[in-house]
Amino acid sequence: MTTTAPPAVKAKQRPGDRWFSGTALFAGSMILVTLAAVTIFLVVQSLPGLVATSEDASILSTNFWDYVWPLAFGTIWASFLALLMAVPLSVAVALFISHYAPRRLAQGLGYVVDLLAAVPSVVFGLWGILVLAPAVQPIYDWFVVNVGWFPLFAGPVSSTGRTIFTAAMVLAVMVVPIITAICREIFLQTPVLHEEAALALGATRWEMVRMAVFPFGRSGIVSASMLGLGRALGETMAVALVLSATGIVTFRLFTPENPSTIPANIALTFPEAYGTNINVLIATGLILFIVTFAVNALARYIVNRRKEFSGAN
């Protein structure tokens, strides 16, 4: 004699559960809808600019690609320099707050770091042009005179200090709070058992950090760095105020001739743009959108590769 299992009884969903799940689904869908709307707008408005020549748009000397290449190079170069300075500093500050500083001092530093993230970018730009640039100009002069044989430090030196490296330092200061805040939270989530086990085996505090904290937070550091890079890639006003741009492609850090960035160029050129010039500027924004999307996709790929390690396992 065979028996059949009783049919599964479906739990009755309450109206509040249905309302909450529908609201959550709508909120999640709006993210995709917004991203799709932005993408469609950029693609449609960029098509005339992508094929434009100097006859169609007055801001072009030859064609669109010759116009956007120096801007894309300057955007990536300045952001790379900023990340090169910001990541080690941010990781060190986050590590000090989470594992070295006394509790009261750590709380105060945490508040200061969070407040720095709320400072408007125009304030950083004014600080960069009025304080930082004059202060670092003698240092640039020393580098060009004494280490000018190295291609990055070749002259002539800028007399104002408004160089790509100054802009990168301002960007680094702007992204440090973001990277520090995320790394701090990641380091604080390191399992205490892992830290205590390392210390019990005779490891020093630095060896404990190197063997337990850093492996656990590696994917978090990458994610924080990519978020900081996204902020640096899209920064506008600070770079527009600090950088003395001439629209060339160069790796030299201290010269008066510097590449511009896509956001700064759009901000400075758009008020006077008309006709196809507007489509050209929107097309440069599309290039920036693609670069940012590629950076985030690369970060997600790196994080997923590290997902097999988990401090909870």
C-alpha atoms as a PDB file:
ATOM      1  CA  MET A   1       0.000   0.000   0.000  1.00  0.00           C
ATOM      2  CA  THR A   2       1.485   3.307  -1.037  1.00  0.00           C
ATOM      3  CA  THR A   3       0.872   6.549   0.712  1.00  0.00           C
ATOM      4  CA  THR A   4       1.055   9.944  -0.874  1.00  0.00           C
ATOM      5  CA  ALA A   5       2.530  12.905   0.880  1.00  0.00           C
ATOM      6  CA  PRO A   6       0.029  15.522   1.897  1.00  0.00           C
ATOM      7  CA  PRO A   7       0.093  18.607  -0.308  1.00  0.00           C
ATOM      8  CA  ALA A   8       2.291  21.391   0.996  1.00  0.00           C
ATOM      9  CA  VAL A   9       0.358  24.097   2.711  1.00  0.00           C
ATOM     10  CA  LYS A  10       1.324  27.498   1.441  1.00  0.00           C
ATOM     11  CA  ALA A  11       1.762  30.002   4.221  1.00  0.00           C
ATOM     12  CA  LYS A  12      -0.650  32.866   4.054  1.00  0.00           C
ATOM     13  CA  GLN A  13       1.126  36.105   3.286  1.00  0.00           C
ATOM     14  CA  ARG A  14       0.101  39.053   5.333  1.00  0.00           C
ATOM     15  CA  PRO A  15      -0.747  42.387   3.662  1.00  0.00           C
ATOM     16  CA  GLY A  16       2.235  44.033   5.340  1.00  0.00           C
ATOM     17  CA  ASP A  17       4.603  41.416   3.907  1.00  0.00           C
ATOM     18  CA  ARG A  18       3.185  41.866   0.419  1.00  0.00           C
ATOM     19  CA  TRP A  19       3.469  45.640   0.703  1.00  0.00           C
ATOM     20  CA  PHE A  20       7.056  45.475   1.916  1.00  0.00           C
ATOM     21  CA  SER A  21       8.192  42.954  -0.716  1.00  0.00           C
ATOM     22  CA  GLY A  22       6.525  44.990  -3.467  1.00  0.00           C
ATOM     23  CA  THR A  23       8.151  48.205  -2.253  1.00  0.00           C
ATOM     24  CA  ALA A  24      11.557  46.540  -2.067  1.00  0.00           C
ATOM     25  CA  LEU A  25      11.145  45.109  -5.566  1.00  0.00           C
ATOM     26  CA  PHE A  26      10.115  48.510  -6.901  1.00  0.00           C
ATOM     27  CA  ALA A  27      13.107  50.219  -5.252  1.00  0.00           C
ATOM     28  CA  GLY A  28      15.527  47.658  -6.659  1.00  0.00           C
ATOM     29  CA  SER A  29      13.975  47.908 -10.109  1.00  0.00           C
ATOM     30  CA  MET A  30      14.275  51.704 -10.108  1.00  0.00           C
ATOM     31  CA  ILE A  31      18.060  51.374  -9.905  1.00  0.00           C
ATOM     32  CA  LEU A  32      18.103  49.370 -13.126  1.00  0.00           C
ATOM     33  CA  VAL A  33      15.570  51.693 -14.762  1.00  0.00           C
ATOM     34  CA  THR A  34      17.631  54.760 -13.839  1.00  0.00           C
ATOM     35  CA  LEU A  35      20.842  53.194 -15.129  1.00  0.00           C
ATOM     36  CA  ALA A  36      19.138  52.192 -18.367  1.00  0.00           C
ATOM     37  CA  ALA A  37      17.653  55.689 -18.786  1.00  0.00           C
ATOM     38  CA  VAL A  38      21.043  57.339 -18.278  1.00  0.00           C
ATOM     39  CA  THR A  39      22.672  54.924 -20.720  1.00  0.00           C
ATOM     40  CA  ILE A  40      20.026  55.489 -23.404  1.00  0.00           C
ATOM     41  CA  PHE A  41      20.265  59.265 -22.992  1.00  0.00           C
ATOM     42  CA  LEU A  42      24.057  59.242 -23.293  1.00  0.00           C
ATOM     43  CA  VAL A  43      24.068  56.947 -26.326  1.00  0.00           C
ATOM     44  CA  VAL A  44      21.332  58.828 -28.215  1.00  0.00           C
ATOM     45  CA  GLN A  45      22.766  62.281 -27.520  1.00  0.00           C
ATOM     46  CA  SER A  46      26.335  61.134 -28.210  1.00  0.00           C
ATOM     47  CA  LEU A  47      25.779  59.718 -31.693  1.00  0.00           C
ATOM     48  CA  PRO A  48      26.093  63.090 -33.516  1.00  0.00           C
ATOM     49  CA  GLY A  49      29.205  63.919 -31.488  1.00  0.00           C
ATOM     50  CA  LEU A  50      30.952  60.605 -32.100  1.00  0.00           C
ATOM     51  CA  VAL A  51      30.989  61.162 -35.865  1.00  0.00           C
ATOM     52  CA  ALA A  52      31.483  64.930 -35.761  1.00  0.00           C
ATOM     53  CA  THR A  53      34.452  66.677 -37.350  1.00  0.00           C
ATOM     54  CA  SER A  54      35.891  70.167 -37.125  1.00  0.00           C
ATOM     55  CA  GLU A  55      33.341  71.286 -39.729  1.00  0.00           C
ATOM     56  CA  ASP A  56      30.454  70.243 -37.472  1.00  0.00           C
ATOM     57  CA  ALA A  57      31.735  71.390 -34.059  1.00  0.00           C
ATOM     58  CA  SER A  58      33.946  74.378 -33.350  1.00  0.00           C
ATOM     59  CA  ILE A  59      35.616  72.753 -30.315  1.00  0.00           C
ATOM     60  CA  LEU A  60      37.081  69.995 -32.509  1.00  0.00           C
ATOM     61  CA  SER A  61      40.373  70.487 -34.299  1.00  0.00           C
ATOM     62  CA  THR A  62      40.096  67.283 -36.368  1.00  0.00           C
ATOM     63  CA  ASN A  63      37.617  64.673 -35.101  1.00  0.00           C
ATOM     64  CA  PHE A  64      36.038  63.494 -31.869  1.00  0.00           C
ATOM     65  CA  TRP A  65      38.575  60.783 -31.035  1.00  0.00           C
ATOM     66  CA  ASP A  66      41.524  63.162 -31.306  1.00  0.00           C
ATOM     67  CA  TYR A  67      39.606  65.484 -28.982  1.00  0.00           C
ATOM     68  CA  VAL A  68      38.646  62.940 -26.333  1.00  0.00           C
ATOM     69  CA  TRP A  69      41.927  60.990 -26.169  1.00  0.00           C
ATOM     70  CA  PRO A  70      43.896  63.613 -24.167  1.00  0.00           C
ATOM     71  CA  LEU A  71      40.915  64.109 -21.867  1.00  0.00           C
ATOM     72  CA  ALA A  72      40.535  60.380 -21.192  1.00  0.00           C
ATOM     73  CA  PHE A  73      44.270  60.089 -20.592  1.00  0.00           C
ATOM     74  CA  GLY A  74      44.263  62.999 -18.135  1.00  0.00           C
ATOM     75  CA  THR A  75      41.262  61.575 -16.271  1.00  0.00           C
ATOM     76  CA  ILE A  76      42.843  58.149 -15.835  1.00  0.00           C
ATOM     77  CA  TRP A  77      46.338  59.524 -15.097  1.00  0.00           C
ATOM     78  CA  ALA A  78      45.173  61.948 -12.397  1.00  0.00           C
ATOM     79  CA  SER A  79      42.938  59.311 -10.795  1.00  0.00           C
ATOM     80  CA  PHE A  80      45.732  56.738 -10.838  1.00  0.00           C
ATOM     81  CA  LEU A  81      48.135  59.155  -9.143  1.00  0.00           C
ATOM     82  CA  ALA A  82      45.484  60.010  -6.559  1.00  0.00           C
ATOM     83  CA  LEU A  83      44.813  56.348  -5.814  1.00  0.00           C
ATOM     84  CA  LEU A  84      48.542  55.665  -5.555  1.00  0.00           C
ATOM     85  CA  MET A  85      48.764  58.216  -2.754  1.00  0.00           C
ATOM     86  CA  ALA A  86      45.396  57.634  -1.098  1.00  0.00           C
ATOM     87  CA  VAL A  87      45.251  53.847  -0.696  1.00  0.00           C
ATOM     88  CA  PRO A  88      48.364  53.327   1.501  1.00  0.00           C
ATOM     89  CA  LEU A  89      47.443  56.337   3.649  1.00  0.00           C
ATOM     90  CA  SER A  90      43.821  55.233   3.994  1.00  0.00           C
ATOM     91  CA  VAL A  91      44.730  51.652   4.923  1.00  0.00           C
ATOM     92  CA  ALA A  92      47.244  52.901   7.488  1.00  0.00           C
ATOM     93  CA  VAL A  93      44.746  55.313   9.062  1.00  0.00           C
ATOM     94  CA  ALA A  94      41.999  52.673   9.113  1.00  0.00           C
ATOM     95  CA  LEU A  95      44.382  50.169  10.699  1.00  0.00           C
ATOM     96  CA  PHE A  96      45.430  52.696  13.338  1.00  0.00           C
ATOM     97  CA  ILE A  97      41.820  53.493  14.199  1.00  0.00           C
ATOM     98  CA  SER A  98      40.721  49.854  14.355  1.00  0.00           C
ATOM     99  CA  HIS A  99      43.689  48.136  16.025  1.00  0.00           C
ATOM    100  CA  TYR A 100      46.216  50.582  17.475  1.00  0.00           C
ATOM    101  CA  ALA A 101      44.565  53.764  18.766  1.00  0.00           C
ATOM    102  CA  PRO A 102      42.966  53.932  22.237  1.00  0.00           C
ATOM    103  CA  ARG A 103      39.183  53.676  22.126  1.00  0.00           C
ATOM    104  CA  ARG A 104      38.512  57.346  22.863  1.00  0.00           C
ATOM    105  CA  LEU A 105      41.073  58.543  20.311  1.00  0.00           C
ATOM    106  CA  ALA A 106      39.770  56.062  17.735  1.00  0.00           C
ATOM    107  CA  GLN A 107      36.224  57.395  18.101  1.00  0.00           C
ATOM    108  CA  GLY A 108      37.411  60.981  17.616  1.00  0.00           C
ATOM    109  CA  LEU A 109      39.470  60.104  14.549  1.00  0.00           C
ATOM    110  CA  GLY A 110      36.530  58.167  13.126  1.00  0.00           C
ATOM    111  CA  TYR A 111      34.285  61.229  13.440  1.00  0.00           C
ATOM    112  CA  VAL A 112      36.919  63.440  11.796  1.00  0.00           C
ATOM    113  CA  VAL A 113      37.304  61.037   8.877  1.00  0.00           C
ATOM    114  CA  ASP A 114      33.538  60.895   8.381  1.00  0.00           C
ATOM    115  CA  LEU A 115      33.316  64.700   8.475  1.00  0.00           C
ATOM    116  CA  LEU A 116      36.029  65.052   5.827  1.00  0.00           C
ATOM    117  CA  ALA A 117      33.844  63.086   3.418  1.00  0.00           C
ATOM    118  CA  ALA A 118      31.151  65.775   3.778  1.00  0.00           C
ATOM    119  CA  VAL A 119      33.381  68.719   2.805  1.00  0.00           C
ATOM    120  CA  PRO A 120      32.246  70.171  -0.575  1.00  0.00           C
ATOM    121  CA  SER A 121      34.622  69.619  -3.464  1.00  0.00           C
ATOM    122  CA  VAL A 122      34.811  73.346  -4.215  1.00  0.00           C
ATOM    123  CA  VAL A 123      36.344  73.876  -0.763  1.00  0.00           C
ATOM    124  CA  PHE A 124      39.046  71.330  -1.566  1.00  0.00           C
ATOM    125  CA  GLY A 125      39.592  73.090  -4.879  1.00  0.00           C
ATOM    126  CA  LEU A 126      40.037  76.488  -3.216  1.00  0.00           C
ATOM    127  CA  TRP A 127      42.419  74.956  -0.692  1.00  0.00           C
ATOM    128  CA  GLY A 128      44.387  73.356  -3.504  1.00  0.00           C
ATOM    129  CA  ILE A 129      44.767  76.537  -5.558  1.00  0.00           C
ATOM    130  CA  LEU A 130      45.372  78.981  -2.678  1.00  0.00           C
ATOM    131  CA  VAL A 131      47.331  76.892  -0.175  1.00  0.00           C
ATOM    132  CA  LEU A 132      48.640  73.630  -1.632  1.00  0.00           C
ATOM    133  CA  ALA A 133      49.853  74.840  -5.038  1.00  0.00           C
ATOM    134  CA  PRO A 134      52.054  77.710  -3.703  1.00  0.00           C
ATOM    135  CA  ALA A 135      53.381  75.445  -0.925  1.00  0.00           C
ATOM    136  CA  VAL A 136      54.525  72.623  -3.216  1.00  0.00           C
ATOM    137  CA  GLN A 137      55.923  74.793  -6.038  1.00  0.00           C
ATOM    138  CA  PRO A 138      59.426  75.043  -4.423  1.00  0.00           C
ATOM    139  CA  ILE A 139      59.421  71.257  -4.015  1.00  0.00           C
ATOM    140  CA  TYR A 140      58.610  70.852  -7.689  1.00  0.00           C
ATOM    141  CA  ASP A 141      61.442  73.209  -8.550  1.00  0.00           C
ATOM    142  CA  TRP A 142      63.876  71.133  -6.470  1.00  0.00           C
ATOM    143  CA  PHE A 143      62.781  67.908  -8.172  1.00  0.00           C
ATOM    144  CA  VAL A 144      63.158  69.369 -11.663  1.00  0.00           C
ATOM    145  CA  VAL A 145      66.615  70.766 -10.870  1.00  0.00           C
ATOM    146  CA  ASN A 146      68.000  67.696  -9.100  1.00  0.00           C
ATOM    147  CA  VAL A 147      66.046  64.765 -10.535  1.00  0.00           C
ATOM    148  CA  GLY A 148      65.033  66.238 -13.879  1.00  0.00           C
ATOM    149  CA  TRP A 149      66.781  63.413 -15.732  1.00  0.00           C
ATOM    150  CA  PHE A 150      63.889  61.135 -14.726  1.00  0.00           C
ATOM    151  CA  PRO A 151      61.055  61.461 -17.304  1.00  0.00           C
ATOM    152  CA  LEU A 152      58.304  62.044 -14.733  1.00  0.00           C
ATOM    153  CA  PHE A 153      60.210  64.963 -13.177  1.00  0.00           C
ATOM    154  CA  ALA A 154      61.434  66.584 -16.394  1.00  0.00           C
ATOM    155  CA  GLY A 155      61.069  70.345 -16.795  1.00  0.00           C
ATOM    156  CA  PRO A 156      60.240  73.056 -17.339  1.00  0.00           C
ATOM    157  CA  VAL A 157      58.767  73.519 -13.886  1.00  0.00           C
ATOM    158  CA  SER A 158      55.449  75.271 -13.334  1.00  0.00           C
ATOM    159  CA  SER A 159      55.740  78.686 -11.718  1.00  0.00           C
ATOM    160  CA  THR A 160      52.307  78.410 -10.081  1.00  0.00           C
ATOM    161  CA  GLY A 161      52.259  74.815  -8.841  1.00  0.00           C
ATOM    162  CA  ARG A 162      48.961  74.149 -10.643  1.00  0.00           C
ATOM    163  CA  THR A 163      50.046  70.858 -12.174  1.00  0.00           C
ATOM    164  CA  ILE A 164      48.532  67.420 -12.692  1.00  0.00           C
ATOM    165  CA  PHE A 165      50.314  66.205  -9.561  1.00  0.00           C
ATOM    166  CA  THR A 166      48.772  68.967  -7.451  1.00  0.00           C
ATOM    167  CA  ALA A 167      45.348  68.033  -8.781  1.00  0.00           C
ATOM    168  CA  ALA A 168      46.096  64.390  -7.966  1.00  0.00           C
ATOM    169  CA  MET A 169      47.026  65.339  -4.389  1.00  0.00           C
ATOM    170  CA  VAL A 170      43.735  67.197  -3.997  1.00  0.00           C
ATOM    171  CA  LEU A 171      41.873  64.171  -5.362  1.00  0.00           C
ATOM    172  CA  ALA A 172      43.787  61.923  -2.956  1.00  0.00           C
ATOM    173  CA  VAL A 173      42.716  64.045   0.002  1.00  0.00           C
ATOM    174  CA  MET A 174      39.122  63.864  -1.225  1.00  0.00           C
ATOM    175  CA  VAL A 175      39.014  60.066  -1.578  1.00  0.00           C
ATOM    176  CA  VAL A 176      40.938  59.248   1.613  1.00  0.00           C
ATOM    177  CA  PRO A 177      37.823  59.562   3.854  1.00  0.00           C
ATOM    178  CA  ILE A 178      35.830  57.179   1.649  1.00  0.00           C
ATOM    179  CA  ILE A 179      38.519  54.498   1.508  1.00  0.00           C
ATOM    180  CA  THR A 180      39.389  54.914   5.190  1.00  0.00           C
ATOM    181  CA  ALA A 181      35.800  54.594   6.398  1.00  0.00           C
ATOM    182  CA  ILE A 182      35.189  51.380   4.446  1.00  0.00           C
ATOM    183  CA  CYS A 183      38.536  49.810   5.366  1.00  0.00           C
ATOM    184  CA  ARG A 184      37.972  50.673   9.027  1.00  0.00           C
ATOM    185  CA  GLU A 185      34.652  48.831   9.090  1.00  0.00           C
ATOM    186  CA  ILE A 186      36.161  45.848   7.266  1.00  0.00           C
ATOM    187  CA  PHE A 187      39.085  45.612   9.699  1.00  0.00           C
ATOM    188  CA  LEU A 188      36.730  45.809  12.691  1.00  0.00           C
ATOM    189  CA  GLN A 189      34.831  42.788  11.343  1.00  0.00           C
ATOM    190  CA  THR A 190      37.902  40.548  11.450  1.00  0.00           C
ATOM    191  CA  PRO A 191      36.985  37.519  13.616  1.00  0.00           C
ATOM    192  CA  VAL A 192      38.385  37.948  17.103  1.00  0.00           C
ATOM    193  CA  LEU A 193      39.261  34.242  17.243  1.00  0.00           C
ATOM    194  CA  HIS A 194      41.624  34.668  14.289  1.00  0.00           C
ATOM    195  CA  GLU A 195      43.385  37.580  15.963  1.00  0.00           C
ATOM    196  CA  GLU A 196      43.610  35.852  19.337  1.00  0.00           C
ATOM    197  CA  ALA A 197      44.897  32.656  17.729  1.00  0.00           C
ATOM    198  CA  ALA A 198      47.690  34.553  15.981  1.00  0.00           C
ATOM    199  CA  LEU A 199      48.662  36.329  19.210  1.00  0.00           C
ATOM    200  CA  ALA A 200      48.505  33.076  21.178  1.00  0.00           C
ATOM    201  CA  LEU A 201      50.979  31.502  18.752  1.00  0.00           C
ATOM    202  CA  GLY A 202      53.487  34.234  19.589  1.00  0.00           C
ATOM    203  CA  ALA A 203      52.838  36.675  16.746  1.00  0.00           C
ATOM    204  CA  THR A 204      53.453  40.347  17.304  1.00  0.00           C
ATOM    205  CA  ARG A 205      50.620  42.784  16.676  1.00  0.00           C
ATOM    206  CA  TRP A 206      51.936  43.605  13.199  1.00  0.00           C
ATOM    207  CA  GLU A 207      52.312  39.898  12.370  1.00  0.00           C
ATOM    208  CA  MET A 208      48.744  39.353  13.588  1.00  0.00           C
ATOM    209  CA  VAL A 209      47.549  42.165  11.314  1.00  0.00           C
ATOM    210  CA  ARG A 210      49.494  40.768   8.374  1.00  0.00           C
ATOM    211  CA  MET A 211      48.307  37.167   8.848  1.00  0.00           C
ATOM    212  CA  ALA A 212      44.725  37.700  10.042  1.00  0.00           C
ATOM    213  CA  VAL A 213      43.431  41.207   9.334  1.00  0.00           C
ATOM    214  CA  PHE A 214      44.808  41.853   5.850  1.00  0.00           C
ATOM    215  CA  PRO A 215      43.764  38.483   4.340  1.00  0.00           C
ATOM    216  CA  PHE A 216      40.260  38.917   5.759  1.00  0.00           C
ATOM    217  CA  GLY A 217      39.927  42.499   4.496  1.00  0.00           C
ATOM    218  CA  ARG A 218      41.613  42.104   1.123  1.00  0.00           C
ATOM    219  CA  SER A 219      38.417  42.154  -0.916  1.00  0.00           C
ATOM    220  CA  GLY A 220      37.115  45.056   1.170  1.00  0.00           C
ATOM    221  CA  ILE A 221      40.273  47.059   0.482  1.00  0.00           C
ATOM    222  CA  VAL A 222      39.840  46.459  -3.243  1.00  0.00           C
ATOM    223  CA  SER A 223      36.193  47.514  -3.106  1.00  0.00           C
ATOM    224  CA  ALA A 224      37.027  50.648  -1.103  1.00  0.00           C
ATOM    225  CA  SER A 225      39.818  51.542  -3.527  1.00  0.00           C
ATOM    226  CA  MET A 226      37.507  51.176  -6.517  1.00  0.00           C
ATOM    227  CA  LEU A 227      34.881  53.370  -4.862  1.00  0.00           C
ATOM    228  CA  GLY A 228      37.562  55.979  -4.249  1.00  0.00           C
ATOM    229  CA  LEU A 229      38.696  55.641  -7.850  1.00  0.00           C
ATOM    230  CA  GLY A 230      35.128  56.220  -9.029  1.00  0.00           C
ATOM    231  CA  ARG A 231      34.995  59.428  -6.976  1.00  0.00           C
ATOM    232  CA  ALA A 232      38.327  60.568  -8.415  1.00  0.00           C
ATOM    233  CA  LEU A 233      37.286  59.791 -11.998  1.00  0.00           C
ATOM    234  CA  GLY A 234      34.117  61.855 -11.707  1.00  0.00           C
ATOM    235  CA  GLU A 235      35.426  64.805  -9.697  1.00  0.00           C
ATOM    236  CA  THR A 236      34.828  68.120 -11.433  1.00  0.00           C
ATOM    237  CA  MET A 237      35.150  71.377  -9.527  1.00  0.00           C
ATOM    238  CA  ALA A 238      38.312  70.656  -7.554  1.00  0.00           C
ATOM    239  CA  VAL A 239      40.211  69.646 -10.690  1.00  0.00           C
ATOM    240  CA  ALA A 240      38.772  72.529 -12.704  1.00  0.00           C
ATOM    241  CA  LEU A 241      39.982  75.031 -10.081  1.00  0.00           C
ATOM    242  CA  VAL A 242      43.428  73.547  -9.456  1.00  0.00           C
ATOM    243  CA  LEU A 243      44.583  72.217 -12.802  1.00  0.00           C
ATOM    244  CA  SER A 244      46.150  74.497 -15.403  1.00  0.00           C
ATOM    245  CA  ALA A 245      45.234  72.373 -18.417  1.00  0.00           C
ATOM    246  CA  THR A 246      46.494  72.704 -21.970  1.00  0.00           C
ATOM    247  CA  GLY A 247      44.944  69.569 -23.460  1.00  0.00           C
ATOM    248  CA  ILE A 248      48.119  67.615 -24.227  1.00  0.00           C
ATOM    249  CA  VAL A 249      49.185  64.054 -23.426  1.00  0.00           C
ATOM    250  CA  THR A 250      52.214  63.954 -21.121  1.00  0.00           C
ATOM    251  CA  PHE A 251      53.422  61.946 -18.143  1.00  0.00           C
ATOM    252  CA  ARG A 252      55.464  64.820 -16.719  1.00  0.00           C
ATOM    253  CA  LEU A 253      54.166  65.820 -13.303  1.00  0.00           C
ATOM    254  CA  PHE A 254      55.504  69.319 -12.645  1.00  0.00           C
ATOM    255  CA  THR A 255      55.259  71.222 -15.930  1.00  0.00           C
ATOM    256  CA  PRO A 256      52.856  74.072 -16.794  1.00  0.00           C
ATOM    257  CA  GLU A 257      51.465  71.972 -19.688  1.00  0.00           C
ATOM    258  CA  ASN A 258      49.054  69.405 -18.309  1.00  0.00           C
ATOM    259  CA  PRO A 259      46.334  67.124 -19.685  1.00  0.00           C
ATOM    260  CA  SER A 260      42.796  68.018 -18.705  1.00  0.00           C
ATOM    261  CA  THR A 261      40.106  65.651 -17.413  1.00  0.00           C
ATOM    262  CA  ILE A 262      36.717  64.856 -18.904  1.00  0.00           C
ATOM    263  CA  PRO A 263      34.588  66.193 -16.007  1.00  0.00           C
ATOM    264  CA  ALA A 264      36.588  69.424 -15.693  1.00  0.00           C
ATOM    265  CA  ASN A 265      36.497  69.980 -19.455  1.00  0.00           C
ATOM    266  CA  ILE A 266      32.715  69.499 -19.542  1.00  0.00           C
ATOM    267  CA  ALA A 267      32.215  71.933 -16.656  1.00  0.00           C
ATOM    268  CA  LEU A 268      34.409  74.610 -18.228  1.00  0.00           C
ATOM    269  CA  THR A 269      33.212  74.226 -21.827  1.00  0.00           C
ATOM    270  CA  PHE A 270      29.507  73.437 -21.516  1.00  0.00           C
ATOM    271  CA  PRO A 271      28.242  76.959 -20.597  1.00  0.00           C
ATOM    272  CA  GLU A 272      29.383  78.323 -23.961  1.00  0.00           C
ATOM    273  CA  ALA A 273      28.632  75.207 -26.040  1.00  0.00           C
ATOM    274  CA  TYR A 274      25.925  75.144 -28.708  1.00  0.00           C
ATOM    275  CA  GLY A 275      24.700  72.830 -31.442  1.00  0.00           C
ATOM    276  CA  THR A 276      26.895  69.817 -32.106  1.00  0.00           C
ATOM    277  CA  ASN A 277      29.397  71.001 -29.505  1.00  0.00           C
ATOM    278  CA  ILE A 278      26.916  69.900 -26.846  1.00  0.00           C
ATOM    279  CA  ASN A 279      26.717  66.439 -28.414  1.00  0.00           C
ATOM    280  CA  VAL A 280      30.507  66.234 -28.426  1.00  0.00           C
ATOM    281  CA  LEU A 281      30.658  67.039 -24.708  1.00  0.00           C
ATOM    282  CA  ILE A 282      27.933  64.487 -23.966  1.00  0.00           C
ATOM    283  CA  ALA A 283      29.933  61.944 -25.970  1.00  0.00           C
ATOM    284  CA  THR A 284      32.956  62.597 -23.750  1.00  0.00           C
ATOM    285  CA  GLY A 285      30.642  61.964 -20.801  1.00  0.00           C
ATOM    286  CA  LEU A 286      29.719  58.640 -22.396  1.00  0.00           C
ATOM    287  CA  ILE A 287      33.405  57.722 -22.555  1.00  0.00           C
ATOM    288  CA  LEU A 288      33.739  58.567 -18.855  1.00  0.00           C
ATOM    289  CA  PHE A 289      30.632  56.486 -18.119  1.00  0.00           C
ATOM    290  CA  ILE A 290      32.152  53.494 -19.926  1.00  0.00           C
ATOM    291  CA  VAL A 291      35.484  53.875 -18.107  1.00  0.00           C
ATOM    292  CA  THR A 292      33.765  54.074 -14.714  1.00  0.00           C
ATOM    293  CA  PHE A 293      31.578  51.077 -15.516  1.00  0.00           C
ATOM    294  CA  ALA A 294      34.643  49.075 -16.587  1.00  0.00           C
ATOM    295  CA  VAL A 295      36.467  49.983 -13.373  1.00  0.00           C
ATOM    296  CA  ASN A 296      33.525  48.853 -11.242  1.00  0.00           C
ATOM    297  CA  ALA A 297      33.195  45.641 -13.230  1.00  0.00           C
ATOM    298  CA  LEU A 298      36.899  44.915 -12.726  1.00  0.00           C
ATOM    299  CA  ALA A 299      36.547  45.555  -8.993  1.00  0.00           C
ATOM    300  CA  ARG A 300      33.583  43.177  -8.803  1.00  0.00           C
ATOM    301  CA  TYR A 301      35.587  40.522 -10.652  1.00  0.00           C
ATOM    302  CA  ILE A 302      38.503  40.860  -8.215  1.00  0.00           C
ATOM    303  CA  VAL A 303      36.202  40.756  -5.182  1.00  0.00           C
ATOM    304  CA  ASN A 304      34.412  37.641  -6.465  1.00  0.00           C
ATOM    305  CA  ARG A 305      37.738  35.882  -6.970  1.00  0.00           C
ATOM    306  CA  ARG A 306      38.562  36.525  -3.305  1.00  0.00           C
ATOM    307  CA  LYS A 307      35.138  35.463  -2.054  1.00  0.00           C
ATOM    308  CA  GLU A 308      36.311  31.933  -1.244  1.00  0.00           C
ATOM    309  CA  PHE A 309      38.126  33.345   1.799  1.00  0.00           C
ATOM    310  CA  SER A 310      35.830  34.281   4.629  1.00  0.00           C
ATOM    311  CA  GLY A 311      36.699  34.933   8.227  1.00  0.00           C
ATOM    312  CA  ALA A 312      33.439  33.298   9.255  1.00  0.00           C
ATOM    313  CA  ASN A 313      34.498  29.903   7.830  1.00  0.00           C
END
